[in-house]
Amino acid sequence: MTEEESAQQGAATDNHPHHDLLHLTILVAGTPEQRDYPAEEKVEAVIKSLLPVGQRHDWEQYELRERNATAALDPFRSLQADGVDNHDVLSLTKRDGGGGNR
């Protein structure tokens, strides 16, 4: 590998040092939880993982958003495709404006 190829590969790696695993803080009912998810995990699957088993079939009543964002993440896209980065803080809320249930 040439020095230039090595530098290019290093630059690509530096942009996403943990491109396959994101360490996130997710606020669930106001309580922060530390969770790790693959960057390619669908937001829908993340929402389901945060709900009690008996509520997972109603996952569409909930939304996940970055803490200060005005729009919810697209549940059918991956975390990475929705622009979520390592160490982001997300919030799980009910679509009607209620807090996340547990």
C-alpha atoms as a PDB file:
ATOM      1  CA  MET A   1       0.000   0.000   0.000  1.00  0.00           C
ATOM      2  CA  THR A   2       1.372   3.394  -0.937  1.00  0.00           C
ATOM      3  CA  GLU A   3       1.611   6.229   1.560  1.00  0.00           C
ATOM      4  CA  GLU A   4      -1.236   8.059  -0.232  1.00  0.00           C
ATOM      5  CA  GLU A   5      -3.507   4.976  -0.118  1.00  0.00           C
ATOM      6  CA  SER A   6      -2.720   4.558   3.566  1.00  0.00           C
ATOM      7  CA  ALA A   7      -3.602   8.200   4.265  1.00  0.00           C
ATOM      8  CA  GLN A   8      -6.885   7.874   2.353  1.00  0.00           C
ATOM      9  CA  GLN A   9      -7.805   4.726   4.249  1.00  0.00           C
ATOM     10  CA  GLY A  10      -6.926   6.408   7.550  1.00  0.00           C
ATOM     11  CA  ALA A  11      -9.065   9.428   6.682  1.00  0.00           C
ATOM     12  CA  ALA A  12     -12.044   7.205   5.883  1.00  0.00           C
ATOM     13  CA  THR A  13     -11.616   5.380   9.169  1.00  0.00           C
ATOM     14  CA  ASP A  14     -11.299   8.632  11.128  1.00  0.00           C
ATOM     15  CA  ASN A  15     -14.666   9.860   9.807  1.00  0.00           C
ATOM     16  CA  HIS A  16     -16.432   6.885  11.400  1.00  0.00           C
ATOM     17  CA  PRO A  17     -14.127   5.417  14.038  1.00  0.00           C
ATOM     18  CA  HIS A  18     -16.842   3.023  15.228  1.00  0.00           C
ATOM     19  CA  HIS A  19     -18.881   2.935  12.044  1.00  0.00           C
ATOM     20  CA  ASP A  20     -20.475  -0.365  12.915  1.00  0.00           C
ATOM     21  CA  LEU A  21     -21.444   0.351  16.536  1.00  0.00           C
ATOM     22  CA  LEU A  22     -22.954   3.529  17.989  1.00  0.00           C
ATOM     23  CA  HIS A  23     -22.840   4.228  21.727  1.00  0.00           C
ATOM     24  CA  LEU A  24     -25.972   6.280  22.443  1.00  0.00           C
ATOM     25  CA  THR A  25     -27.768   7.816  25.394  1.00  0.00           C
ATOM     26  CA  ILE A  26     -31.517   7.410  25.020  1.00  0.00           C
ATOM     27  CA  LEU A  27     -33.997   9.206  27.248  1.00  0.00           C
ATOM     28  CA  VAL A  28     -36.840   6.800  28.045  1.00  0.00           C
ATOM     29  CA  ALA A  29     -39.557   8.286  30.277  1.00  0.00           C
ATOM     30  CA  GLY A  30     -37.003  10.947  31.216  1.00  0.00           C
ATOM     31  CA  THR A  31     -34.434   8.391  32.361  1.00  0.00           C
ATOM     32  CA  PRO A  32     -31.158   8.239  30.388  1.00  0.00           C
ATOM     33  CA  GLU A  33     -30.115   4.772  29.264  1.00  0.00           C
ATOM     34  CA  GLN A  34     -26.761   3.941  27.702  1.00  0.00           C
ATOM     35  CA  ARG A  35     -27.190   1.615  24.736  1.00  0.00           C
ATOM     36  CA  ASP A  36     -25.043   0.340  21.879  1.00  0.00           C
ATOM     37  CA  TYR A  37     -26.603  -0.284  18.469  1.00  0.00           C
ATOM     38  CA  PRO A  38     -25.191  -1.185  15.079  1.00  0.00           C
ATOM     39  CA  ALA A  39     -25.129   1.890  12.836  1.00  0.00           C
ATOM     40  CA  GLU A  40     -27.223  -0.021  10.294  1.00  0.00           C
ATOM     41  CA  GLU A  41     -29.946  -0.858  12.856  1.00  0.00           C
ATOM     42  CA  LYS A  42     -33.369   0.370  11.718  1.00  0.00           C
ATOM     43  CA  VAL A  43     -34.917   3.029  13.958  1.00  0.00           C
ATOM     44  CA  GLU A  44     -38.036   0.853  14.163  1.00  0.00           C
ATOM     45  CA  ALA A  45     -35.976  -1.935  15.775  1.00  0.00           C
ATOM     46  CA  VAL A  46     -34.427   0.531  18.232  1.00  0.00           C
ATOM     47  CA  ILE A  47     -37.876   1.788  19.277  1.00  0.00           C
ATOM     48  CA  LYS A  48     -39.093  -1.787  19.774  1.00  0.00           C
ATOM     49  CA  SER A  49     -36.026  -2.620  21.876  1.00  0.00           C
ATOM     50  CA  LEU A  50     -36.820   0.272  24.222  1.00  0.00           C
ATOM     51  CA  LEU A  51     -40.426  -0.755  24.840  1.00  0.00           C
ATOM     52  CA  PRO A  52     -41.688  -3.460  27.183  1.00  0.00           C
ATOM     53  CA  VAL A  53     -42.465  -6.701  25.357  1.00  0.00           C
ATOM     54  CA  GLY A  54     -46.234  -6.175  25.672  1.00  0.00           C
ATOM     55  CA  GLN A  55     -46.049  -2.762  23.981  1.00  0.00           C
ATOM     56  CA  ARG A  56     -43.770  -3.619  21.074  1.00  0.00           C
ATOM     57  CA  HIS A  57     -46.708  -4.337  18.752  1.00  0.00           C
ATOM     58  CA  ASP A  58     -47.727  -0.682  19.244  1.00  0.00           C
ATOM     59  CA  TRP A  59     -44.275   0.684  18.376  1.00  0.00           C
ATOM     60  CA  GLU A  60     -45.761   3.026  15.754  1.00  0.00           C
ATOM     61  CA  GLN A  61     -47.243   5.119  18.585  1.00  0.00           C
ATOM     62  CA  TYR A  62     -43.692   6.146  19.533  1.00  0.00           C
ATOM     63  CA  GLU A  63     -41.000   8.180  17.869  1.00  0.00           C
ATOM     64  CA  LEU A  64     -37.294   8.572  18.352  1.00  0.00           C
ATOM     65  CA  ARG A  65     -35.590  11.892  17.824  1.00  0.00           C
ATOM     66  CA  GLU A  66     -32.323  13.574  18.555  1.00  0.00           C
ATOM     67  CA  ARG A  67     -32.689  15.520  21.777  1.00  0.00           C
ATOM     68  CA  ASN A  68     -32.854  18.996  20.204  1.00  0.00           C
ATOM     69  CA  ALA A  69     -34.309  18.040  16.808  1.00  0.00           C
ATOM     70  CA  THR A  70     -37.708  19.202  15.611  1.00  0.00           C
ATOM     71  CA  ALA A  71     -38.374  16.157  13.414  1.00  0.00           C
ATOM     72  CA  ALA A  72     -38.489  12.522  14.459  1.00  0.00           C
ATOM     73  CA  LEU A  73     -36.105   9.995  12.934  1.00  0.00           C
ATOM     74  CA  ASP A  74     -37.506   7.997  10.017  1.00  0.00           C
ATOM     75  CA  PRO A  75     -38.359   4.601  11.530  1.00  0.00           C
ATOM     76  CA  PHE A  76     -37.712   2.783   8.260  1.00  0.00           C
ATOM     77  CA  ARG A  77     -34.157   4.079   7.843  1.00  0.00           C
ATOM     78  CA  SER A  78     -31.050   3.026   9.694  1.00  0.00           C
ATOM     79  CA  LEU A  79     -29.589   5.097  12.515  1.00  0.00           C
ATOM     80  CA  GLN A  80     -26.680   5.982  10.252  1.00  0.00           C
ATOM     81  CA  ALA A  81     -28.947   6.975   7.339  1.00  0.00           C
ATOM     82  CA  ASP A  82     -30.933   9.188   9.738  1.00  0.00           C
ATOM     83  CA  GLY A  83     -27.719  11.015  10.680  1.00  0.00           C
ATOM     84  CA  VAL A  84     -27.257   9.571  14.161  1.00  0.00           C
ATOM     85  CA  ASP A  85     -23.644   9.720  15.315  1.00  0.00           C
ATOM     86  CA  ASN A  86     -21.712   7.995  18.066  1.00  0.00           C
ATOM     87  CA  HIS A  87     -22.508   9.480  21.518  1.00  0.00           C
ATOM     88  CA  ASP A  88     -25.680  11.251  20.352  1.00  0.00           C
ATOM     89  CA  VAL A  89     -28.522  11.738  22.829  1.00  0.00           C
ATOM     90  CA  LEU A  90     -31.903  10.524  21.582  1.00  0.00           C
ATOM     91  CA  SER A  91     -35.337  10.719  23.138  1.00  0.00           C
ATOM     92  CA  LEU A  92     -38.177   8.204  22.919  1.00  0.00           C
ATOM     93  CA  THR A  93     -41.601   9.861  23.086  1.00  0.00           C
ATOM     94  CA  LYS A  94     -45.213   9.017  22.298  1.00  0.00           C
ATOM     95  CA  ARG A  95     -46.399  10.541  19.039  1.00  0.00           C
ATOM     96  CA  ASP A  96     -49.239  12.355  20.795  1.00  0.00           C
ATOM     97  CA  GLY A  97     -46.714  14.291  22.857  1.00  0.00           C
ATOM     98  CA  GLY A  98     -46.635  11.988  25.867  1.00  0.00           C
ATOM     99  CA  GLY A  99     -43.462  10.671  27.446  1.00  0.00           C
ATOM    100  CA  GLY A 100     -42.030   7.284  26.610  1.00  0.00           C
ATOM    101  CA  ASN A 101     -43.685   4.455  28.509  1.00  0.00           C
ATOM    102  CA  ARG A 102     -42.032   1.591  30.295  1.00  0.00           C
END
